[in-house]
N, C-alpha and C. Protein backbone atom coordinates (compact mmCIF):
# COMPACT_ATOMS: atom_id res chain seq x y z
N UNK A 1 -258.50 -104.91 -174.31
CA UNK A 1 -257.59 -103.88 -173.84
C UNK A 1 -256.15 -104.32 -174.02
N UNK A 2 -255.87 -105.58 -173.77
CA UNK A 2 -254.50 -106.07 -173.91
C UNK A 2 -254.00 -105.95 -175.35
N UNK A 3 -254.92 -105.96 -176.31
CA UNK A 3 -254.51 -105.85 -177.71
C UNK A 3 -253.91 -104.49 -178.04
N UNK A 4 -254.13 -103.50 -177.18
CA UNK A 4 -253.54 -102.19 -177.43
C UNK A 4 -252.02 -102.24 -177.33
N UNK A 5 -251.50 -103.19 -176.60
CA UNK A 5 -250.05 -103.38 -176.54
C UNK A 5 -249.52 -103.79 -177.92
N UNK A 6 -250.29 -104.63 -178.60
CA UNK A 6 -249.91 -105.03 -179.96
C UNK A 6 -249.93 -103.82 -180.89
N UNK A 7 -250.96 -102.97 -180.73
CA UNK A 7 -251.03 -101.76 -181.54
C UNK A 7 -249.82 -100.88 -181.25
N UNK A 8 -249.42 -100.78 -179.97
CA UNK A 8 -248.21 -100.03 -179.62
C UNK A 8 -247.00 -100.54 -180.40
N UNK A 9 -246.84 -101.86 -180.47
CA UNK A 9 -245.70 -102.44 -181.18
C UNK A 9 -245.80 -102.19 -182.69
N UNK A 10 -247.00 -102.26 -183.24
CA UNK A 10 -247.17 -101.97 -184.67
C UNK A 10 -246.77 -100.53 -184.98
N UNK A 11 -247.20 -99.62 -184.14
CA UNK A 11 -246.87 -98.21 -184.34
C UNK A 11 -245.36 -97.99 -184.19
N UNK A 12 -244.78 -98.66 -183.22
CA UNK A 12 -243.33 -98.55 -183.03
C UNK A 12 -242.58 -99.04 -184.28
N UNK A 13 -243.07 -100.12 -184.89
CA UNK A 13 -242.45 -100.61 -186.11
C UNK A 13 -242.58 -99.62 -187.26
N UNK A 14 -243.74 -98.98 -187.36
CA UNK A 14 -243.93 -97.95 -188.39
C UNK A 14 -243.00 -96.76 -188.14
N UNK A 15 -242.87 -96.40 -186.87
CA UNK A 15 -242.00 -95.27 -186.51
C UNK A 15 -240.55 -95.58 -186.85
N UNK A 16 -240.09 -96.76 -186.49
CA UNK A 16 -238.70 -97.14 -186.76
C UNK A 16 -238.45 -97.30 -188.25
N UNK A 17 -239.50 -97.65 -189.01
CA UNK A 17 -239.36 -97.78 -190.46
C UNK A 17 -239.21 -96.45 -191.16
N UNK A 18 -239.47 -95.37 -190.44
CA UNK A 18 -239.29 -94.01 -190.96
C UNK A 18 -239.97 -93.80 -192.32
N UNK A 19 -241.13 -94.39 -192.46
CA UNK A 19 -241.87 -94.20 -193.71
C UNK A 19 -242.60 -92.87 -193.66
N UNK A 20 -242.82 -92.31 -194.82
CA UNK A 20 -243.53 -91.05 -194.93
C UNK A 20 -244.95 -91.21 -194.39
N UNK A 21 -245.41 -90.23 -193.60
CA UNK A 21 -246.74 -90.33 -193.00
C UNK A 21 -247.84 -90.47 -194.03
N UNK A 22 -247.70 -89.82 -195.16
CA UNK A 22 -248.71 -89.94 -196.22
C UNK A 22 -248.80 -91.37 -196.72
N UNK A 23 -247.69 -92.05 -196.74
CA UNK A 23 -247.63 -93.43 -197.21
C UNK A 23 -248.34 -94.40 -196.27
N UNK A 24 -248.36 -94.08 -194.98
CA UNK A 24 -248.97 -94.98 -194.00
C UNK A 24 -250.25 -94.40 -193.40
N UNK A 25 -250.79 -93.36 -194.02
CA UNK A 25 -251.98 -92.69 -193.49
C UNK A 25 -253.16 -93.65 -193.32
N UNK A 26 -253.38 -94.52 -194.29
CA UNK A 26 -254.48 -95.48 -194.19
C UNK A 26 -254.30 -96.46 -193.04
N UNK A 27 -253.08 -96.89 -192.84
CA UNK A 27 -252.78 -97.80 -191.73
C UNK A 27 -253.01 -97.09 -190.40
N UNK A 28 -252.56 -95.85 -190.29
CA UNK A 28 -252.76 -95.09 -189.06
C UNK A 28 -254.24 -94.88 -188.78
N UNK A 29 -255.00 -94.59 -189.82
CA UNK A 29 -256.44 -94.40 -189.67
C UNK A 29 -257.09 -95.69 -189.15
N UNK A 30 -256.71 -96.82 -189.74
CA UNK A 30 -257.25 -98.11 -189.31
C UNK A 30 -256.91 -98.43 -187.87
N UNK A 31 -255.67 -98.15 -187.47
CA UNK A 31 -255.26 -98.39 -186.09
C UNK A 31 -256.02 -97.46 -185.14
N UNK A 32 -256.22 -96.21 -185.55
CA UNK A 32 -256.97 -95.28 -184.73
C UNK A 32 -258.42 -95.70 -184.57
N UNK A 33 -259.01 -96.20 -185.65
CA UNK A 33 -260.38 -96.70 -185.58
C UNK A 33 -260.46 -97.91 -184.65
N UNK A 34 -259.44 -98.76 -184.70
CA UNK A 34 -259.41 -99.92 -183.80
C UNK A 34 -259.35 -99.47 -182.34
N UNK A 35 -258.48 -98.51 -182.05
CA UNK A 35 -258.36 -97.99 -180.68
C UNK A 35 -259.70 -97.41 -180.23
N UNK A 36 -260.35 -96.66 -181.10
CA UNK A 36 -261.65 -96.11 -180.77
C UNK A 36 -262.67 -97.20 -180.48
N UNK A 37 -262.62 -98.26 -181.25
CA UNK A 37 -263.57 -99.36 -181.03
C UNK A 37 -263.28 -100.08 -179.72
N UNK A 38 -262.03 -100.18 -179.32
CA UNK A 38 -261.71 -100.74 -178.00
C UNK A 38 -262.34 -99.87 -176.91
N UNK A 39 -262.26 -98.56 -177.08
CA UNK A 39 -262.88 -97.65 -176.10
C UNK A 39 -264.40 -97.83 -176.08
N UNK A 40 -264.99 -98.06 -177.23
CA UNK A 40 -266.44 -98.27 -177.31
C UNK A 40 -266.82 -99.59 -176.62
N UNK A 41 -266.12 -100.64 -176.96
CA UNK A 41 -266.50 -101.97 -176.46
C UNK A 41 -266.08 -102.24 -175.03
N UNK A 42 -264.99 -101.63 -174.58
CA UNK A 42 -264.47 -101.97 -173.25
C UNK A 42 -264.56 -100.84 -172.23
N UNK A 43 -264.74 -99.61 -172.67
CA UNK A 43 -264.72 -98.49 -171.73
C UNK A 43 -266.03 -97.70 -171.71
N UNK A 44 -267.02 -98.15 -172.47
CA UNK A 44 -268.32 -97.50 -172.46
C UNK A 44 -268.45 -96.26 -173.32
N UNK A 45 -267.49 -96.02 -174.20
CA UNK A 45 -267.52 -94.85 -175.08
C UNK A 45 -268.53 -95.06 -176.21
N UNK A 46 -268.87 -93.98 -176.90
CA UNK A 46 -269.68 -94.05 -178.10
C UNK A 46 -269.01 -93.20 -179.17
N UNK A 47 -269.09 -93.65 -180.42
CA UNK A 47 -268.57 -92.86 -181.54
C UNK A 47 -269.46 -91.64 -181.74
N UNK A 48 -268.84 -90.50 -182.02
CA UNK A 48 -269.58 -89.26 -182.27
C UNK A 48 -268.94 -88.52 -183.44
N UNK A 49 -269.78 -87.76 -184.13
CA UNK A 49 -269.28 -86.80 -185.12
C UNK A 49 -268.94 -85.53 -184.36
N UNK A 50 -267.73 -85.06 -184.52
CA UNK A 50 -267.33 -83.83 -183.84
C UNK A 50 -268.03 -82.63 -184.48
N UNK A 51 -268.33 -81.64 -183.64
CA UNK A 51 -268.87 -80.39 -184.18
C UNK A 51 -267.71 -79.58 -184.76
N UNK A 52 -268.02 -78.45 -185.34
CA UNK A 52 -267.00 -77.66 -186.03
C UNK A 52 -265.84 -77.27 -185.12
N UNK A 53 -266.14 -76.84 -183.92
CA UNK A 53 -265.08 -76.45 -182.97
C UNK A 53 -264.20 -77.64 -182.60
N UNK A 54 -264.83 -78.79 -182.37
CA UNK A 54 -264.07 -80.00 -182.03
C UNK A 54 -263.22 -80.46 -183.21
N UNK A 55 -263.76 -80.36 -184.42
CA UNK A 55 -262.99 -80.73 -185.61
C UNK A 55 -261.73 -79.89 -185.72
N UNK A 56 -261.88 -78.61 -185.45
CA UNK A 56 -260.73 -77.72 -185.51
C UNK A 56 -259.71 -78.08 -184.42
N UNK A 57 -260.20 -78.35 -183.23
CA UNK A 57 -259.32 -78.66 -182.10
C UNK A 57 -258.61 -80.00 -182.31
N UNK A 58 -259.37 -81.04 -182.66
CA UNK A 58 -258.81 -82.39 -182.77
C UNK A 58 -258.19 -82.68 -184.13
N UNK A 59 -258.59 -81.95 -185.16
CA UNK A 59 -258.08 -82.24 -186.49
C UNK A 59 -258.70 -83.48 -187.11
N UNK A 60 -259.82 -83.91 -186.59
CA UNK A 60 -260.53 -85.09 -187.08
C UNK A 60 -262.03 -84.78 -187.09
N UNK A 61 -262.77 -85.54 -187.86
CA UNK A 61 -264.22 -85.32 -187.90
C UNK A 61 -264.99 -86.23 -186.96
N UNK A 62 -264.35 -87.29 -186.46
CA UNK A 62 -265.01 -88.22 -185.54
C UNK A 62 -264.11 -88.50 -184.35
N UNK A 63 -264.74 -88.95 -183.29
CA UNK A 63 -264.02 -89.34 -182.10
C UNK A 63 -264.96 -90.13 -181.21
N UNK A 64 -264.64 -90.20 -179.94
CA UNK A 64 -265.50 -90.92 -179.00
C UNK A 64 -265.84 -90.02 -177.82
N UNK A 65 -267.01 -90.28 -177.27
CA UNK A 65 -267.45 -89.61 -176.04
C UNK A 65 -267.51 -90.66 -174.94
N UNK A 66 -266.85 -90.38 -173.83
CA UNK A 66 -266.82 -91.30 -172.71
C UNK A 66 -268.09 -91.18 -171.88
N UNK A 67 -268.37 -92.15 -171.01
CA UNK A 67 -269.57 -92.09 -170.19
C UNK A 67 -269.67 -90.83 -169.33
N UNK A 68 -268.54 -90.23 -168.97
CA UNK A 68 -268.56 -89.01 -168.16
C UNK A 68 -268.70 -87.75 -169.01
N UNK A 69 -268.83 -87.91 -170.34
CA UNK A 69 -269.03 -86.78 -171.23
C UNK A 69 -267.77 -86.23 -171.88
N UNK A 70 -266.62 -86.73 -171.51
CA UNK A 70 -265.36 -86.27 -172.12
C UNK A 70 -265.23 -86.82 -173.53
N UNK A 71 -264.59 -86.03 -174.38
CA UNK A 71 -264.35 -86.44 -175.75
C UNK A 71 -262.87 -86.80 -175.92
N UNK A 72 -262.63 -87.85 -176.73
CA UNK A 72 -261.27 -88.27 -177.03
C UNK A 72 -261.13 -88.49 -178.53
N UNK A 73 -259.91 -88.37 -178.99
CA UNK A 73 -259.59 -88.48 -180.41
C UNK A 73 -258.64 -89.65 -180.63
N UNK A 74 -259.16 -90.87 -180.75
CA UNK A 74 -258.26 -92.02 -180.91
C UNK A 74 -257.46 -91.99 -182.21
N UNK A 75 -258.01 -91.39 -183.26
CA UNK A 75 -257.28 -91.30 -184.52
C UNK A 75 -256.04 -90.42 -184.34
N UNK A 76 -256.20 -89.31 -183.68
CA UNK A 76 -255.08 -88.42 -183.41
C UNK A 76 -254.10 -89.00 -182.41
N UNK A 77 -254.63 -89.78 -181.45
CA UNK A 77 -253.76 -90.40 -180.45
C UNK A 77 -252.77 -91.35 -181.10
N UNK A 78 -253.22 -92.08 -182.11
CA UNK A 78 -252.33 -92.99 -182.83
C UNK A 78 -251.21 -92.21 -183.51
N UNK A 79 -251.56 -91.10 -184.14
CA UNK A 79 -250.54 -90.26 -184.80
C UNK A 79 -249.55 -89.74 -183.76
N UNK A 80 -250.07 -89.31 -182.60
CA UNK A 80 -249.18 -88.84 -181.53
C UNK A 80 -248.22 -89.94 -181.09
N UNK A 81 -248.72 -91.15 -180.98
CA UNK A 81 -247.86 -92.26 -180.60
C UNK A 81 -246.78 -92.51 -181.64
N UNK A 82 -247.14 -92.38 -182.89
CA UNK A 82 -246.15 -92.55 -183.97
C UNK A 82 -245.05 -91.49 -183.83
N UNK A 83 -245.44 -90.27 -183.56
CA UNK A 83 -244.48 -89.18 -183.49
C UNK A 83 -243.62 -89.21 -182.23
N UNK A 84 -244.13 -89.77 -181.14
CA UNK A 84 -243.41 -89.74 -179.86
C UNK A 84 -242.83 -91.07 -179.43
N UNK A 85 -243.25 -92.17 -180.02
CA UNK A 85 -242.82 -93.48 -179.54
C UNK A 85 -243.63 -93.85 -178.32
N UNK A 86 -243.49 -95.08 -177.81
CA UNK A 86 -244.25 -95.39 -176.62
C UNK A 86 -244.33 -96.82 -176.16
N UNK A 87 -243.57 -97.75 -176.69
CA UNK A 87 -243.68 -99.12 -176.23
C UNK A 87 -243.05 -99.32 -174.86
N UNK A 88 -242.38 -98.32 -174.33
CA UNK A 88 -241.75 -98.44 -173.02
C UNK A 88 -242.70 -98.07 -171.88
N UNK A 89 -244.01 -97.91 -172.18
CA UNK A 89 -244.96 -97.55 -171.14
C UNK A 89 -245.06 -96.06 -170.92
N UNK A 90 -244.46 -95.27 -171.77
CA UNK A 90 -244.50 -93.81 -171.63
C UNK A 90 -245.90 -93.29 -171.92
N UNK A 91 -246.05 -91.98 -171.81
CA UNK A 91 -247.34 -91.35 -172.03
C UNK A 91 -247.89 -91.62 -173.43
N UNK A 92 -247.04 -91.97 -174.37
CA UNK A 92 -247.49 -92.20 -175.74
C UNK A 92 -248.01 -93.61 -175.96
N UNK A 93 -247.90 -94.48 -174.99
CA UNK A 93 -248.38 -95.85 -175.12
C UNK A 93 -249.91 -95.88 -175.11
N UNK A 94 -250.49 -96.57 -176.08
CA UNK A 94 -251.95 -96.69 -176.13
C UNK A 94 -252.49 -97.54 -174.99
N UNK A 95 -251.75 -98.55 -174.60
CA UNK A 95 -252.20 -99.37 -173.48
C UNK A 95 -252.21 -98.54 -172.19
N UNK A 96 -251.18 -97.76 -171.96
CA UNK A 96 -251.13 -96.88 -170.79
C UNK A 96 -252.24 -95.83 -170.88
N UNK A 97 -252.45 -95.28 -172.05
CA UNK A 97 -253.53 -94.32 -172.28
C UNK A 97 -254.86 -94.92 -171.82
N UNK A 98 -255.14 -96.14 -172.24
CA UNK A 98 -256.39 -96.79 -171.86
C UNK A 98 -256.48 -96.99 -170.34
N UNK A 99 -255.42 -97.49 -169.76
CA UNK A 99 -255.43 -97.80 -168.33
C UNK A 99 -255.57 -96.56 -167.44
N UNK A 100 -255.13 -95.42 -167.93
CA UNK A 100 -255.20 -94.19 -167.15
C UNK A 100 -256.30 -93.25 -167.63
N UNK A 101 -257.11 -93.70 -168.55
CA UNK A 101 -258.13 -92.87 -169.17
C UNK A 101 -259.22 -92.48 -168.18
N UNK A 102 -259.41 -91.19 -167.95
CA UNK A 102 -260.50 -90.76 -167.08
C UNK A 102 -261.84 -91.00 -167.76
N UNK A 103 -262.84 -91.31 -166.97
CA UNK A 103 -264.20 -91.42 -167.48
C UNK A 103 -264.59 -92.75 -168.07
N UNK A 104 -263.70 -93.73 -168.00
CA UNK A 104 -264.06 -95.03 -168.57
C UNK A 104 -264.82 -95.85 -167.53
N UNK A 105 -265.59 -96.80 -168.01
CA UNK A 105 -266.25 -97.75 -167.12
C UNK A 105 -265.53 -99.07 -167.27
N UNK A 106 -265.61 -99.86 -166.26
CA UNK A 106 -264.94 -101.16 -166.32
C UNK A 106 -265.84 -102.19 -166.98
N UNK A 107 -265.24 -102.95 -167.86
CA UNK A 107 -265.90 -104.10 -168.50
C UNK A 107 -267.24 -103.76 -169.12
N UNK A 108 -267.27 -102.69 -169.92
CA UNK A 108 -268.49 -102.34 -170.63
C UNK A 108 -268.81 -103.44 -171.64
N UNK A 109 -270.05 -103.65 -171.91
CA UNK A 109 -270.46 -104.68 -172.87
C UNK A 109 -270.20 -104.24 -174.29
């Protein structure tokens, strides 16, 4: 979970670099996949293929389902963080997102 702070700083560096989103799309995807895997390994989530309605809503084909049944889009969350900034602990911070995430379990295997 603490590594999400590092991801926040990486995203902040990409944001400040003002690079074209298409140019960093692969990096954003990788960071989003990492965030999703943190949710899987530490919060009890599972990777899922979104259905058609969810794909339209989230703009992604995959995401995670939390133990309480809620769905989250870590790939989109990374893009949101890029667009809004977030190393100051604001709502766009991935570490804050994790710590305030409803439906997570503590210390999932």
